[in-house]
Amino acid sequence: MEITSENFAKVVLESKKPVIVEFMWNFSSKCKMMSHRIEKVLESIAAPIDHFQIDIYKNSDMRDSFRIRDIPTFYFYYRGEIISSISGIESESVFETEIQNLIDLTQKETKKTENLI
């Protein structure tokens, strides 16, 4: 699914699942390398997390509104809020940590809900 300024709120901010938004450029080798890296981590963890890419040249309005200065830039969302971000080149272990943080938030909220029932 392509994320645009028109559907961003519905797809990302209103999502019940954790979301990773990747601001990238399709012709950047650095972006391709990092996309592959995060996909590999997501596959190995097998967590229910959505990952969307936003091409900063097709969506320059979003690039400007998010003040993207380096590509790729990843935003980690939970319940419509940015939990953390990563810009540039990082290791798989950095992605694993950030994704695990998202999973931990989901599990904490599930436990709170269960305790209320």
C-alpha atoms as a PDB file:
ATOM      1  CA  MET A   1       0.000   0.000   0.000  1.00  0.00           C
ATOM      2  CA  GLU A   2       1.274   3.426  -0.895  1.00  0.00           C
ATOM      3  CA  ILE A   3       1.181   5.975   1.902  1.00  0.00           C
ATOM      4  CA  THR A   4       0.370   9.553   0.953  1.00  0.00           C
ATOM      5  CA  SER A   5      -0.550  12.673   2.890  1.00  0.00           C
ATOM      6  CA  GLU A   6      -4.205  11.852   2.139  1.00  0.00           C
ATOM      7  CA  ASN A   7      -4.212   8.409   3.807  1.00  0.00           C
ATOM      8  CA  PHE A   8      -1.404   8.784   6.364  1.00  0.00           C
ATOM      9  CA  ALA A   9      -3.662   9.496   9.338  1.00  0.00           C
ATOM     10  CA  LYS A  10      -5.969   6.573   8.633  1.00  0.00           C
ATOM     11  CA  VAL A  11      -3.269   4.026   7.817  1.00  0.00           C
ATOM     12  CA  VAL A  12      -0.585   5.026  10.325  1.00  0.00           C
ATOM     13  CA  LEU A  13      -1.995   7.185  13.102  1.00  0.00           C
ATOM     14  CA  GLU A  14      -5.255   5.251  13.527  1.00  0.00           C
ATOM     15  CA  SER A  15      -3.645   1.809  13.276  1.00  0.00           C
ATOM     16  CA  LYS A  16      -4.191  -0.569  16.188  1.00  0.00           C
ATOM     17  CA  LYS A  17      -0.899  -2.286  15.334  1.00  0.00           C
ATOM     18  CA  PRO A  18       2.601  -0.854  15.660  1.00  0.00           C
ATOM     19  CA  VAL A  19       3.768   0.802  12.447  1.00  0.00           C
ATOM     20  CA  ILE A  20       7.182   1.546  10.990  1.00  0.00           C
ATOM     21  CA  VAL A  21       7.239   4.351   8.431  1.00  0.00           C
ATOM     22  CA  GLU A  22      10.322   4.489   6.234  1.00  0.00           C
ATOM     23  CA  PHE A  23      11.059   7.710   4.374  1.00  0.00           C
ATOM     24  CA  MET A  24      13.262   6.711   1.468  1.00  0.00           C
ATOM     25  CA  TRP A  25      14.138   7.212  -2.181  1.00  0.00           C
ATOM     26  CA  ASN A  26      13.742   4.319  -4.614  1.00  0.00           C
ATOM     27  CA  PHE A  27      17.048   5.016  -6.379  1.00  0.00           C
ATOM     28  CA  SER A  28      19.250   5.222  -3.289  1.00  0.00           C
ATOM     29  CA  SER A  29      21.511   2.225  -2.669  1.00  0.00           C
ATOM     30  CA  LYS A  30      21.700   3.197   1.013  1.00  0.00           C
ATOM     31  CA  CYS A  31      17.888   3.129   1.251  1.00  0.00           C
ATOM     32  CA  LYS A  32      17.696  -0.225  -0.509  1.00  0.00           C
ATOM     33  CA  MET A  33      20.268  -1.688   1.864  1.00  0.00           C
ATOM     34  CA  MET A  34      18.437  -0.425   4.947  1.00  0.00           C
ATOM     35  CA  SER A  35      15.045  -1.555   3.617  1.00  0.00           C
ATOM     36  CA  HIS A  36      16.446  -5.026   3.171  1.00  0.00           C
ATOM     37  CA  ARG A  37      17.921  -4.899   6.668  1.00  0.00           C
ATOM     38  CA  ILE A  38      14.675  -3.938   8.406  1.00  0.00           C
ATOM     39  CA  GLU A  39      12.661  -6.460   6.368  1.00  0.00           C
ATOM     40  CA  LYS A  40      15.092  -9.179   7.436  1.00  0.00           C
ATOM     41  CA  VAL A  41      14.649  -8.244  11.100  1.00  0.00           C
ATOM     42  CA  LEU A  42      10.857  -8.081  10.777  1.00  0.00           C
ATOM     43  CA  GLU A  43      10.801 -11.535   9.174  1.00  0.00           C
ATOM     44  CA  SER A  44      13.022 -13.023  11.878  1.00  0.00           C
ATOM     45  CA  ILE A  45      10.920 -11.593  14.695  1.00  0.00           C
ATOM     46  CA  ALA A  46       7.597 -12.336  12.968  1.00  0.00           C
ATOM     47  CA  ALA A  47       5.769  -9.646  14.932  1.00  0.00           C
ATOM     48  CA  PRO A  48       2.472  -8.074  13.843  1.00  0.00           C
ATOM     49  CA  ILE A  49       4.011  -4.772  12.770  1.00  0.00           C
ATOM     50  CA  ASP A  50       3.148  -2.883   9.588  1.00  0.00           C
ATOM     51  CA  HIS A  51       6.023  -1.424   7.586  1.00  0.00           C
ATOM     52  CA  PHE A  52       5.325   1.257   4.989  1.00  0.00           C
ATOM     53  CA  GLN A  53       7.689   3.120   2.690  1.00  0.00           C
ATOM     54  CA  ILE A  54       7.233   6.715   1.602  1.00  0.00           C
ATOM     55  CA  ASP A  55       9.254   7.866  -1.401  1.00  0.00           C
ATOM     56  CA  ILE A  56      10.367  11.394  -0.494  1.00  0.00           C
ATOM     57  CA  TYR A  57      10.471  12.512  -4.128  1.00  0.00           C
ATOM     58  CA  LYS A  58       6.946  11.362  -4.911  1.00  0.00           C
ATOM     59  CA  ASN A  59       5.733  12.807  -1.603  1.00  0.00           C
ATOM     60  CA  SER A  60       7.751  15.977  -1.139  1.00  0.00           C
ATOM     61  CA  ASP A  61       4.969  17.515   0.964  1.00  0.00           C
ATOM     62  CA  MET A  62       5.414  14.744   3.530  1.00  0.00           C
ATOM     63  CA  ARG A  63       9.203  15.051   3.368  1.00  0.00           C
ATOM     64  CA  ASP A  64       8.866  18.728   4.212  1.00  0.00           C
ATOM     65  CA  SER A  65       6.223  18.349   6.919  1.00  0.00           C
ATOM     66  CA  PHE A  66       8.261  15.623   8.669  1.00  0.00           C
ATOM     67  CA  ARG A  67      11.475  17.625   8.128  1.00  0.00           C
ATOM     68  CA  ILE A  68      13.303  14.677   6.621  1.00  0.00           C
ATOM     69  CA  ARG A  69      16.969  15.650   6.275  1.00  0.00           C
ATOM     70  CA  ASP A  70      18.579  12.233   5.857  1.00  0.00           C
ATOM     71  CA  ILE A  71      17.452   9.105   4.073  1.00  0.00           C
ATOM     72  CA  PRO A  72      16.426   6.636   4.984  1.00  0.00           C
ATOM     73  CA  THR A  73      14.582   7.829   8.081  1.00  0.00           C
ATOM     74  CA  PHE A  74      12.434   5.405  10.046  1.00  0.00           C
ATOM     75  CA  TYR A  75       9.673   6.417  12.448  1.00  0.00           C
ATOM     76  CA  PHE A  76       8.374   3.825  14.893  1.00  0.00           C
ATOM     77  CA  TYR A  77       4.711   4.448  15.781  1.00  0.00           C
ATOM     78  CA  TYR A  78       2.477   2.974  18.416  1.00  0.00           C
ATOM     79  CA  ARG A  79      -1.136   4.099  18.828  1.00  0.00           C
ATOM     80  CA  GLY A  80      -0.524   7.108  16.607  1.00  0.00           C
ATOM     81  CA  GLU A  81       2.517   8.396  18.461  1.00  0.00           C
ATOM     82  CA  ILE A  82       6.140   8.371  17.383  1.00  0.00           C
ATOM     83  CA  ILE A  83       7.988   6.186  19.871  1.00  0.00           C
ATOM     84  CA  SER A  84      11.427   6.520  18.303  1.00  0.00           C
ATOM     85  CA  SER A  85      13.248   7.167  15.053  1.00  0.00           C
ATOM     86  CA  ILE A  86      16.369   6.118  13.187  1.00  0.00           C
ATOM     87  CA  SER A  87      18.106   8.060  10.412  1.00  0.00           C
ATOM     88  CA  GLY A  88      20.837   6.884   8.098  1.00  0.00           C
ATOM     89  CA  ILE A  89      22.660   3.581   8.267  1.00  0.00           C
ATOM     90  CA  GLU A  90      22.254   1.408  11.356  1.00  0.00           C
ATOM     91  CA  SER A  91      22.908  -2.215  12.229  1.00  0.00           C
ATOM     92  CA  GLU A  92      20.336  -4.983  12.436  1.00  0.00           C
ATOM     93  CA  SER A  93      20.757  -5.000  16.212  1.00  0.00           C
ATOM     94  CA  VAL A  94      19.566  -1.370  16.414  1.00  0.00           C
ATOM     95  CA  PHE A  95      16.431  -2.311  14.454  1.00  0.00           C
ATOM     96  CA  GLU A  96      15.923  -5.381  16.630  1.00  0.00           C
ATOM     97  CA  THR A  97      16.002  -3.182  19.741  1.00  0.00           C
ATOM     98  CA  GLU A  98      13.526  -0.660  18.351  1.00  0.00           C
ATOM     99  CA  ILE A  99      11.165  -3.371  17.104  1.00  0.00           C
ATOM    100  CA  GLN A 100      11.367  -5.164  20.439  1.00  0.00           C
ATOM    101  CA  ASN A 101      10.414  -1.889  22.144  1.00  0.00           C
ATOM    102  CA  LEU A 102       7.286  -1.761  19.974  1.00  0.00           C
ATOM    103  CA  ILE A 103       6.445  -5.363  20.830  1.00  0.00           C
ATOM    104  CA  ASP A 104       6.958  -4.651  24.549  1.00  0.00           C
ATOM    105  CA  LEU A 105       4.552  -1.694  24.388  1.00  0.00           C
ATOM    106  CA  THR A 106       1.937  -3.881  22.723  1.00  0.00           C
ATOM    107  CA  GLN A 107       2.335  -6.589  25.349  1.00  0.00           C
ATOM    108  CA  LYS A 108       2.137  -4.093  28.242  1.00  0.00           C
ATOM    109  CA  GLU A 109      -1.099  -2.681  26.873  1.00  0.00           C
ATOM    110  CA  THR A 110      -2.541  -6.168  26.391  1.00  0.00           C
ATOM    111  CA  LYS A 111      -1.746  -7.024  30.020  1.00  0.00           C
ATOM    112  CA  LYS A 112      -3.350  -3.791  31.247  1.00  0.00           C
ATOM    113  CA  THR A 113      -6.507  -4.586  29.272  1.00  0.00           C
ATOM    114  CA  GLU A 114      -6.606  -8.131  30.622  1.00  0.00           C
ATOM    115  CA  ASN A 115      -6.268  -6.841  34.189  1.00  0.00           C
ATOM    116  CA  LEU A 116      -9.276  -4.564  33.693  1.00  0.00           C
ATOM    117  CA  ILE A 117     -11.499  -7.455  32.601  1.00  0.00           C
END
